Amino acid sequence: MHPILSIFAITALSTLATTSHAKKVNDSLDAFAPETWEIADGWHNGYPFLSDWRHDRVTFSDQSMQIQLRQNHDGSWSSGEVRSKDYFGNGCFQVEIKPVRADGVVSAFFLFAGHFDQDRKSNGIHNEIDIEFLGMNTNLVQFNYWTNDDGYENAHEHLHYLNFDAADDFHHYAIEWSDRAIKWFIDGELVHQINDSASDPIPSSKETRFKVMTNVWAAHPDLSNWTGSFDSQTHQSYQAEYKNYQYNPGKCRF
């Protein structure tokens, strides 16, 4: 992500009572599973997000989960964020995504931990691993991570150029996180890898467990060079779709 921000997934929804998870998860996302997920509702991350979170912006069909970005009657904007109830250690996190194509709109799938999102095995410091689509150009995807970085000072953005427009159809995306490396896959192919090092470590399962999160949000104009410029005066609505989420505590196997 852009060096001056993260997904800012800080919320009172999470509690220290939430458990770590080492079992497989397989959710087609064609219906809400309250034992697995929670939906953010009635709060705002603040700058640089233009949109707040509302429960009704997340819907389900027999094919996918939809996260919508829509304008409210007062001219403000609201969207949706879905978060796992449990925390997860090393493993393979995978999902099919069809992101939003629109300037200034970010569609994300990511792993997050922080002061308000930690279990008893975590250190309470910001750690994060991202897959993000920048709506101004969905022919690319951005990968990123932070390690023990409450100040968001050491981002590791990497833009990967696609041979397709991600907004045209679903494609399969995966993060494999071990204490040795982070690997990002698209349609079963390894496209980016960061190995752990003493000088620039990746998140460690000895220090953190992650919540799994998806969201869609409109970016502040200050970030227009990164996301494109969001047209807050339009009456258009936007929608990203997600389906077939899986977690496996081992390696990614396709």
C-alpha atoms as a PDB file:
ATOM      1  CA  MET A   1       0.000   0.000   0.000  1.00  0.00           C
ATOM      2  CA  HIS A   2       0.932   3.646  -0.254  1.00  0.00           C
ATOM      3  CA  PRO A   3       3.729   4.453   2.281  1.00  0.00           C
ATOM      4  CA  ILE A   4       1.593   6.861   4.308  1.00  0.00           C
ATOM      5  CA  LEU A   5      -1.207   4.460   5.137  1.00  0.00           C
ATOM      6  CA  SER A   6      -2.351   0.939   5.753  1.00  0.00           C
ATOM      7  CA  ILE A   7      -5.754  -0.653   5.536  1.00  0.00           C
ATOM      8  CA  PHE A   8      -6.354   0.896   8.997  1.00  0.00           C
ATOM      9  CA  ALA A   9      -8.435  -2.080  10.075  1.00  0.00           C
ATOM     10  CA  ILE A  10      -8.690  -0.950  13.706  1.00  0.00           C
ATOM     11  CA  THR A  11     -12.029  -1.658  15.314  1.00  0.00           C
ATOM     12  CA  ALA A  12     -13.766  -2.521  18.534  1.00  0.00           C
ATOM     13  CA  LEU A  13     -15.244  -5.611  16.865  1.00  0.00           C
ATOM     14  CA  SER A  14     -12.208  -7.695  17.864  1.00  0.00           C
ATOM     15  CA  THR A  15     -11.552  -8.910  21.372  1.00  0.00           C
ATOM     16  CA  LEU A  16      -8.775 -10.839  23.052  1.00  0.00           C
ATOM     17  CA  ALA A  17     -11.257 -13.645  23.654  1.00  0.00           C
ATOM     18  CA  THR A  18     -11.250 -14.536  19.968  1.00  0.00           C
ATOM     19  CA  THR A  19      -9.320 -17.721  19.333  1.00  0.00           C
ATOM     20  CA  SER A  20      -6.477 -18.703  17.043  1.00  0.00           C
ATOM     21  CA  HIS A  21      -7.394 -21.119  14.281  1.00  0.00           C
ATOM     22  CA  ALA A  22      -5.297 -23.978  12.935  1.00  0.00           C
ATOM     23  CA  LYS A  23      -8.010 -25.911  11.085  1.00  0.00           C
ATOM     24  CA  LYS A  24      -8.922 -25.678   7.441  1.00  0.00           C
ATOM     25  CA  VAL A  25     -11.624 -23.237   6.356  1.00  0.00           C
ATOM     26  CA  ASN A  26     -13.563 -23.647   3.128  1.00  0.00           C
ATOM     27  CA  ASP A  27     -16.327 -21.097   2.475  1.00  0.00           C
ATOM     28  CA  SER A  28     -17.899 -20.580  -0.950  1.00  0.00           C
ATOM     29  CA  LEU A  29     -19.138 -17.150   0.278  1.00  0.00           C
ATOM     30  CA  ASP A  30     -22.587 -17.744  -1.216  1.00  0.00           C
ATOM     31  CA  ALA A  31     -24.218 -17.092   2.183  1.00  0.00           C
ATOM     32  CA  PHE A  32     -23.176 -15.327   5.379  1.00  0.00           C
ATOM     33  CA  ALA A  33     -21.446 -17.665   7.859  1.00  0.00           C
ATOM     34  CA  PRO A  34     -21.720 -15.909  11.269  1.00  0.00           C
ATOM     35  CA  GLU A  35     -19.515 -18.503  12.949  1.00  0.00           C
ATOM     36  CA  THR A  36     -16.663 -17.514  10.613  1.00  0.00           C
ATOM     37  CA  TRP A  37     -17.128 -13.825   9.743  1.00  0.00           C
ATOM     38  CA  GLU A  38     -18.217 -10.493  11.185  1.00  0.00           C
ATOM     39  CA  ILE A  39     -19.243  -7.432   9.181  1.00  0.00           C
ATOM     40  CA  ALA A  40     -18.124  -3.940  10.193  1.00  0.00           C
ATOM     41  CA  ASP A  41     -21.027  -1.610  10.881  1.00  0.00           C
ATOM     42  CA  GLY A  42     -21.480   2.017  11.899  1.00  0.00           C
ATOM     43  CA  TRP A  43     -17.958   3.364  12.134  1.00  0.00           C
ATOM     44  CA  HIS A  44     -15.330   5.146  10.067  1.00  0.00           C
ATOM     45  CA  ASN A  45     -11.579   4.632   9.801  1.00  0.00           C
ATOM     46  CA  GLY A  46     -11.018   8.341   9.204  1.00  0.00           C
ATOM     47  CA  TYR A  47      -8.428   9.744   6.805  1.00  0.00           C
ATOM     48  CA  PRO A  48      -7.639   8.661   4.119  1.00  0.00           C
ATOM     49  CA  PHE A  49     -10.921   6.740   3.805  1.00  0.00           C
ATOM     50  CA  LEU A  50     -13.830   8.715   2.320  1.00  0.00           C
ATOM     51  CA  SER A  51     -16.324   5.915   3.028  1.00  0.00           C
ATOM     52  CA  ASP A  52     -17.520   4.449   6.317  1.00  0.00           C
ATOM     53  CA  TRP A  53     -18.576   0.844   7.005  1.00  0.00           C
ATOM     54  CA  ARG A  54     -22.183  -0.342   6.948  1.00  0.00           C
ATOM     55  CA  HIS A  55     -23.511  -3.846   7.370  1.00  0.00           C
ATOM     56  CA  ASP A  56     -25.971  -3.553   4.486  1.00  0.00           C
ATOM     57  CA  ARG A  57     -23.176  -2.916   1.994  1.00  0.00           C
ATOM     58  CA  VAL A  58     -22.269  -6.623   2.173  1.00  0.00           C
ATOM     59  CA  THR A  59     -24.645  -9.006   0.398  1.00  0.00           C
ATOM     60  CA  PHE A  60     -24.603 -12.639  -0.677  1.00  0.00           C
ATOM     61  CA  SER A  61     -25.989 -14.525  -3.654  1.00  0.00           C
ATOM     62  CA  ASP A  62     -25.823 -18.159  -4.731  1.00  0.00           C
ATOM     63  CA  GLN A  63     -22.593 -17.340  -6.545  1.00  0.00           C
ATOM     64  CA  SER A  64     -20.547 -14.870  -4.470  1.00  0.00           C
ATOM     65  CA  MET A  65     -20.266 -12.251  -1.751  1.00  0.00           C
ATOM     66  CA  GLN A  66     -20.686  -8.667  -2.941  1.00  0.00           C
ATOM     67  CA  ILE A  67     -19.168  -5.596  -1.248  1.00  0.00           C
ATOM     68  CA  GLN A  68     -20.806  -2.405  -2.468  1.00  0.00           C
ATOM     69  CA  LEU A  69     -19.696   1.225  -2.352  1.00  0.00           C
ATOM     70  CA  ARG A  70     -22.735   3.522  -2.520  1.00  0.00           C
ATOM     71  CA  GLN A  71     -23.608   7.132  -1.805  1.00  0.00           C
ATOM     72  CA  ASN A  72     -25.943   7.936   1.091  1.00  0.00           C
ATOM     73  CA  HIS A  73     -28.838  10.413   1.032  1.00  0.00           C
ATOM     74  CA  ASP A  74     -26.678  13.046   2.743  1.00  0.00           C
ATOM     75  CA  GLY A  75     -23.973  12.790   0.067  1.00  0.00           C
ATOM     76  CA  SER A  76     -21.530  10.728   2.141  1.00  0.00           C
ATOM     77  CA  TRP A  77     -20.315   7.309   1.019  1.00  0.00           C
ATOM     78  CA  SER A  78     -20.487   3.905   2.694  1.00  0.00           C
ATOM     79  CA  SER A  79     -19.021   0.528   1.869  1.00  0.00           C
ATOM     80  CA  GLY A  80     -18.367  -2.846   3.484  1.00  0.00           C
ATOM     81  CA  GLU A  81     -15.645  -4.692   5.348  1.00  0.00           C
ATOM     82  CA  VAL A  82     -15.766  -8.392   6.249  1.00  0.00           C
ATOM     83  CA  ARG A  83     -13.430  -9.770   8.940  1.00  0.00           C
ATOM     84  CA  SER A  84     -12.729 -13.265  10.232  1.00  0.00           C
ATOM     85  CA  LYS A  85     -13.748 -13.930  13.818  1.00  0.00           C
ATOM     86  CA  ASP A  86     -10.697 -16.117  14.398  1.00  0.00           C
ATOM     87  CA  TYR A  87      -6.972 -15.447  14.108  1.00  0.00           C
ATOM     88  CA  PHE A  88      -4.725 -17.531  11.885  1.00  0.00           C
ATOM     89  CA  GLY A  89      -1.089 -18.574  11.869  1.00  0.00           C
ATOM     90  CA  ASN A  90       1.072 -19.720   8.965  1.00  0.00           C
ATOM     91  CA  GLY A  91      -0.712 -21.146   5.974  1.00  0.00           C
ATOM     92  CA  CYS A  92      -2.332 -20.550   2.607  1.00  0.00           C
ATOM     93  CA  PHE A  93      -5.096 -17.946   2.291  1.00  0.00           C
ATOM     94  CA  GLN A  94      -6.871 -17.988  -1.045  1.00  0.00           C
ATOM     95  CA  VAL A  95      -9.962 -16.477  -2.663  1.00  0.00           C
ATOM     96  CA  GLU A  96     -11.423 -15.606  -6.044  1.00  0.00           C
ATOM     97  CA  ILE A  97     -11.918 -11.853  -6.601  1.00  0.00           C
ATOM     98  CA  LYS A  98     -13.545  -9.587  -9.149  1.00  0.00           C
ATOM     99  CA  PRO A  99     -12.514  -6.066  -8.049  1.00  0.00           C
ATOM    100  CA  VAL A 100     -14.007  -2.638  -8.723  1.00  0.00           C
ATOM    101  CA  ARG A 101     -12.850  -0.732 -11.788  1.00  0.00           C
ATOM    102  CA  ALA A 102     -13.178   2.972 -10.835  1.00  0.00           C
ATOM    103  CA  ASP A 103     -10.733   5.765 -10.110  1.00  0.00           C
ATOM    104  CA  GLY A 104     -10.090   6.212  -6.404  1.00  0.00           C
ATOM    105  CA  VAL A 105     -11.612   2.887  -5.308  1.00  0.00           C
ATOM    106  CA  VAL A 106      -9.548   0.159  -3.613  1.00  0.00           C
ATOM    107  CA  SER A 107     -10.650  -3.503  -3.446  1.00  0.00           C
ATOM    108  CA  ALA A 108      -8.629  -5.503  -0.926  1.00  0.00           C
ATOM    109  CA  PHE A 109      -8.008  -8.968   0.508  1.00  0.00           C
ATOM    110  CA  PHE A 110      -5.513  -8.918   3.361  1.00  0.00           C
ATOM    111  CA  LEU A 111      -4.209 -10.297   6.647  1.00  0.00           C
ATOM    112  CA  PHE A 112      -4.125  -7.879   9.578  1.00  0.00           C
ATOM    113  CA  ALA A 113      -3.079  -7.671  13.231  1.00  0.00           C
ATOM    114  CA  GLY A 114      -2.667  -4.684  15.534  1.00  0.00           C
ATOM    115  CA  HIS A 115      -3.438  -3.156  18.901  1.00  0.00           C
ATOM    116  CA  PHE A 116      -7.192  -3.743  18.593  1.00  0.00           C
ATOM    117  CA  ASP A 117      -6.867  -6.878  16.489  1.00  0.00           C
ATOM    118  CA  GLN A 118      -4.811  -9.379  18.454  1.00  0.00           C
ATOM    119  CA  ASP A 119      -5.192 -12.686  20.233  1.00  0.00           C
ATOM    120  CA  ARG A 120      -3.285 -13.847  23.284  1.00  0.00           C
ATOM    121  CA  LYS A 121      -0.452 -15.185  21.135  1.00  0.00           C
ATOM    122  CA  SER A 122       0.126 -11.857  19.377  1.00  0.00           C
ATOM    123  CA  ASN A 123       2.338  -8.937  20.372  1.00  0.00           C
ATOM    124  CA  GLY A 124      -0.285  -6.266  19.632  1.00  0.00           C
ATOM    125  CA  ILE A 125       1.908  -4.492  17.064  1.00  0.00           C
ATOM    126  CA  HIS A 126       0.802  -3.769  13.497  1.00  0.00           C
ATOM    127  CA  ASN A 127       1.568  -6.594  11.076  1.00  0.00           C
ATOM    128  CA  GLU A 128      -0.099  -6.915   7.685  1.00  0.00           C
ATOM    129  CA  ILE A 129       0.050  -8.733   4.328  1.00  0.00           C
ATOM    130  CA  ASP A 130      -1.982  -7.325   1.403  1.00  0.00           C
ATOM    131  CA  ILE A 131      -3.491  -7.958  -1.987  1.00  0.00           C
ATOM    132  CA  GLU A 132      -4.953  -4.694  -3.303  1.00  0.00           C
ATOM    133  CA  PHE A 133      -6.539  -3.595  -6.561  1.00  0.00           C
ATOM    134  CA  LEU A 134      -6.300   0.090  -7.431  1.00  0.00           C
ATOM    135  CA  GLY A 135      -9.441   0.903  -9.381  1.00  0.00           C
ATOM    136  CA  MET A 136      -7.813   3.350 -11.768  1.00  0.00           C
ATOM    137  CA  ASN A 137      -5.910   0.441 -13.387  1.00  0.00           C
ATOM    138  CA  THR A 138      -7.174  -3.082 -12.788  1.00  0.00           C
ATOM    139  CA  ASN A 139      -4.581  -4.455 -15.183  1.00  0.00           C
ATOM    140  CA  LEU A 140      -2.278  -4.547 -12.181  1.00  0.00           C
ATOM    141  CA  VAL A 141      -2.414  -5.655  -8.553  1.00  0.00           C
ATOM    142  CA  GLN A 142      -0.367  -4.420  -5.590  1.00  0.00           C
ATOM    143  CA  PHE A 143       1.233  -6.652  -2.958  1.00  0.00           C
ATOM    144  CA  ASN A 144       2.527  -5.273   0.331  1.00  0.00           C
ATOM    145  CA  TYR A 145       3.421  -6.143   3.919  1.00  0.00           C
ATOM    146  CA  TRP A 146       4.401  -4.558   7.244  1.00  0.00           C
ATOM    147  CA  THR A 147       6.267  -6.178  10.140  1.00  0.00           C
ATOM    148  CA  ASN A 148       5.960  -4.865  13.722  1.00  0.00           C
ATOM    149  CA  ASP A 149       5.354  -1.370  12.375  1.00  0.00           C
ATOM    150  CA  ASP A 150       2.827   0.761  14.276  1.00  0.00           C
ATOM    151  CA  GLY A 151       4.171   3.844  12.504  1.00  0.00           C
ATOM    152  CA  TYR A 152       3.578   2.420   9.011  1.00  0.00           C
ATOM    153  CA  GLU A 153       7.117   3.492   8.150  1.00  0.00           C
ATOM    154  CA  ASN A 154       8.425   0.433   6.307  1.00  0.00           C
ATOM    155  CA  ALA A 155       6.013  -0.618   3.575  1.00  0.00           C
ATOM    156  CA  HIS A 156       7.036  -2.989   0.796  1.00  0.00           C
ATOM    157  CA  GLU A 157       4.781  -2.149  -2.149  1.00  0.00           C
ATOM    158  CA  HIS A 158       5.157  -4.237  -5.266  1.00  0.00           C
ATOM    159  CA  LEU A 159       3.068  -3.670  -8.406  1.00  0.00           C
ATOM    160  CA  HIS A 160       2.480  -6.786 -10.470  1.00  0.00           C
ATOM    161  CA  TYR A 161       1.249  -6.250 -14.030  1.00  0.00           C
ATOM    162  CA  LEU A 162      -1.416  -8.679 -15.200  1.00  0.00           C
ATOM    163  CA  ASN A 163      -2.070 -10.108 -18.668  1.00  0.00           C
ATOM    164  CA  PHE A 164      -5.805  -9.507 -18.109  1.00  0.00           C
ATOM    165  CA  ASP A 165      -8.130  -6.893 -16.638  1.00  0.00           C
ATOM    166  CA  ALA A 166      -8.948  -8.194 -13.156  1.00  0.00           C
ATOM    167  CA  ALA A 167     -12.311  -6.407 -13.130  1.00  0.00           C
ATOM    168  CA  ASP A 168     -13.593  -8.353 -16.142  1.00  0.00           C
ATOM    169  CA  ASP A 169     -13.940 -11.687 -14.375  1.00  0.00           C
ATOM    170  CA  PHE A 170     -12.983 -13.722 -11.310  1.00  0.00           C
ATOM    171  CA  HIS A 171      -9.405 -14.832 -10.875  1.00  0.00           C
ATOM    172  CA  HIS A 172      -7.796 -16.843  -8.120  1.00  0.00           C
ATOM    173  CA  TYR A 173      -5.441 -15.066  -5.677  1.00  0.00           C
ATOM    174  CA  ALA A 174      -3.484 -16.564  -2.785  1.00  0.00           C
ATOM    175  CA  ILE A 175      -1.075 -15.607  -0.008  1.00  0.00           C
ATOM    176  CA  GLU A 176       1.200 -18.295   1.423  1.00  0.00           C
ATOM    177  CA  TRP A 177       2.685 -17.112   4.703  1.00  0.00           C
ATOM    178  CA  SER A 178       5.408 -19.028   6.513  1.00  0.00           C
ATOM    179  CA  ASP A 179       8.152 -17.826   8.810  1.00  0.00           C
ATOM    180  CA  ARG A 180      10.590 -18.255   5.910  1.00  0.00           C
ATOM    181  CA  ALA A 181       8.763 -16.369   3.152  1.00  0.00           C
ATOM    182  CA  ILE A 182       5.623 -14.666   1.898  1.00  0.00           C
ATOM    183  CA  LYS A 183       4.455 -15.903  -1.510  1.00  0.00           C
ATOM    184  CA  TRP A 184       1.729 -14.380  -3.670  1.00  0.00           C
ATOM    185  CA  PHE A 185      -0.004 -16.518  -6.330  1.00  0.00           C
ATOM    186  CA  ILE A 186      -2.377 -15.668  -9.184  1.00  0.00           C
ATOM    187  CA  ASP A 187      -4.364 -18.467 -10.835  1.00  0.00           C
ATOM    188  CA  GLY A 188      -2.050 -20.997  -9.204  1.00  0.00           C
ATOM    189  CA  GLU A 189       1.180 -19.385 -10.433  1.00  0.00           C
ATOM    190  CA  LEU A 190       3.780 -17.921  -8.073  1.00  0.00           C
ATOM    191  CA  VAL A 191       4.197 -14.267  -9.102  1.00  0.00           C
ATOM    192  CA  HIS A 192       6.017 -12.641  -6.157  1.00  0.00           C
ATOM    193  CA  GLN A 193       8.052 -13.843  -3.185  1.00  0.00           C
ATOM    194  CA  ILE A 194       9.755 -12.122  -0.253  1.00  0.00           C
ATOM    195  CA  ASN A 195      12.130 -14.172   1.885  1.00  0.00           C
ATOM    196  CA  ASP A 196      12.648 -13.458   5.554  1.00  0.00           C
ATOM    197  CA  SER A 197      15.894 -11.744   6.479  1.00  0.00           C
ATOM    198  CA  ALA A 198      17.479 -10.402   9.636  1.00  0.00           C
ATOM    199  CA  SER A 199      17.759  -6.909   8.153  1.00  0.00           C
ATOM    200  CA  ASP A 200      14.153  -6.746   6.888  1.00  0.00           C
ATOM    201  CA  PRO A 201      12.058  -9.490   8.519  1.00  0.00           C
ATOM    202  CA  ILE A 202       8.606 -10.593   7.445  1.00  0.00           C
ATOM    203  CA  PRO A 203       5.818 -11.121  10.022  1.00  0.00           C
ATOM    204  CA  SER A 204       6.556 -14.046  12.328  1.00  0.00           C
ATOM    205  CA  SER A 205       4.015 -16.539  13.672  1.00  0.00           C
ATOM    206  CA  LYS A 206       5.927 -16.416  16.957  1.00  0.00           C
ATOM    207  CA  GLU A 207       4.834 -12.790  17.332  1.00  0.00           C
ATOM    208  CA  THR A 208       1.516 -12.433  15.560  1.00  0.00           C
ATOM    209  CA  ARG A 209      -1.654 -14.130  14.342  1.00  0.00           C
ATOM    210  CA  PHE A 210      -3.757 -12.564  11.602  1.00  0.00           C
ATOM    211  CA  LYS A 211      -7.382 -11.775  11.004  1.00  0.00           C
ATOM    212  CA  VAL A 212      -8.463 -12.284   7.403  1.00  0.00           C
ATOM    213  CA  MET A 213     -10.198  -9.230   5.926  1.00  0.00           C
ATOM    214  CA  THR A 214     -11.804  -8.005   2.726  1.00  0.00           C
ATOM    215  CA  ASN A 215     -13.027  -4.494   2.024  1.00  0.00           C
ATOM    216  CA  VAL A 216     -13.767  -1.888  -0.622  1.00  0.00           C
ATOM    217  CA  TRP A 217     -13.213   1.810   0.029  1.00  0.00           C
ATOM    218  CA  ALA A 218     -13.053   5.228  -1.592  1.00  0.00           C
ATOM    219  CA  ALA A 219      -9.749   7.069  -1.157  1.00  0.00           C
ATOM    220  CA  HIS A 220      -9.161  10.701  -0.169  1.00  0.00           C
ATOM    221  CA  PRO A 221      -8.036  12.998  -3.037  1.00  0.00           C
ATOM    222  CA  ASP A 222      -4.595  13.253  -1.397  1.00  0.00           C
ATOM    223  CA  LEU A 223      -3.968   9.714  -2.653  1.00  0.00           C
ATOM    224  CA  SER A 224      -5.025  10.350  -6.239  1.00  0.00           C
ATOM    225  CA  ASN A 225      -1.507   9.691  -7.547  1.00  0.00           C
ATOM    226  CA  TRP A 226      -1.807   6.175  -6.085  1.00  0.00           C
ATOM    227  CA  THR A 227      -5.478   5.247  -6.480  1.00  0.00           C
ATOM    228  CA  GLY A 228      -6.764   7.737  -9.024  1.00  0.00           C
ATOM    229  CA  SER A 229      -9.178  10.540  -8.159  1.00  0.00           C
ATOM    230  CA  PHE A 230     -12.533   9.386  -6.767  1.00  0.00           C
ATOM    231  CA  ASP A 231     -15.567  11.280  -8.074  1.00  0.00           C
ATOM    232  CA  SER A 232     -17.583  11.850  -4.886  1.00  0.00           C
ATOM    233  CA  GLN A 233     -20.289  13.711  -6.819  1.00  0.00           C
ATOM    234  CA  THR A 234     -21.284  10.799  -9.003  1.00  0.00           C
ATOM    235  CA  HIS A 235     -24.460   8.861  -8.227  1.00  0.00           C
ATOM    236  CA  GLN A 236     -22.963   5.638  -9.489  1.00  0.00           C
ATOM    237  CA  SER A 237     -22.526   2.656  -7.173  1.00  0.00           C
ATOM    238  CA  TYR A 238     -19.657   0.141  -7.305  1.00  0.00           C
ATOM    239  CA  GLN A 239     -19.335  -3.508  -6.413  1.00  0.00           C
ATOM    240  CA  ALA A 240     -16.519  -6.006  -5.879  1.00  0.00           C
ATOM    241  CA  GLU A 241     -17.202  -9.726  -5.657  1.00  0.00           C
ATOM    242  CA  TYR A 242     -15.480 -12.503  -3.699  1.00  0.00           C
ATOM    243  CA  LYS A 243     -16.038 -16.260  -3.719  1.00  0.00           C
ATOM    244  CA  ASN A 244     -14.483 -19.585  -2.728  1.00  0.00           C
ATOM    245  CA  TYR A 245     -12.361 -18.530   0.257  1.00  0.00           C
ATOM    246  CA  GLN A 246     -10.059 -21.179   1.705  1.00  0.00           C
ATOM    247  CA  TYR A 247      -7.498 -21.387   4.487  1.00  0.00           C
ATOM    248  CA  ASN A 248      -5.081 -24.289   4.838  1.00  0.00           C
ATOM    249  CA  PRO A 249      -2.417 -24.335   7.583  1.00  0.00           C
ATOM    250  CA  GLY A 250       0.096 -25.842   5.153  1.00  0.00           C
ATOM    251  CA  LYS A 251       1.449 -24.808   1.771  1.00  0.00           C
ATOM    252  CA  CYS A 252      -0.695 -23.594  -1.115  1.00  0.00           C
ATOM    253  CA  ARG A 253      -1.794 -26.469  -3.336  1.00  0.00           C
ATOM    254  CA  PHE A 254      -3.875 -25.812  -6.413  1.00  0.00           C
END
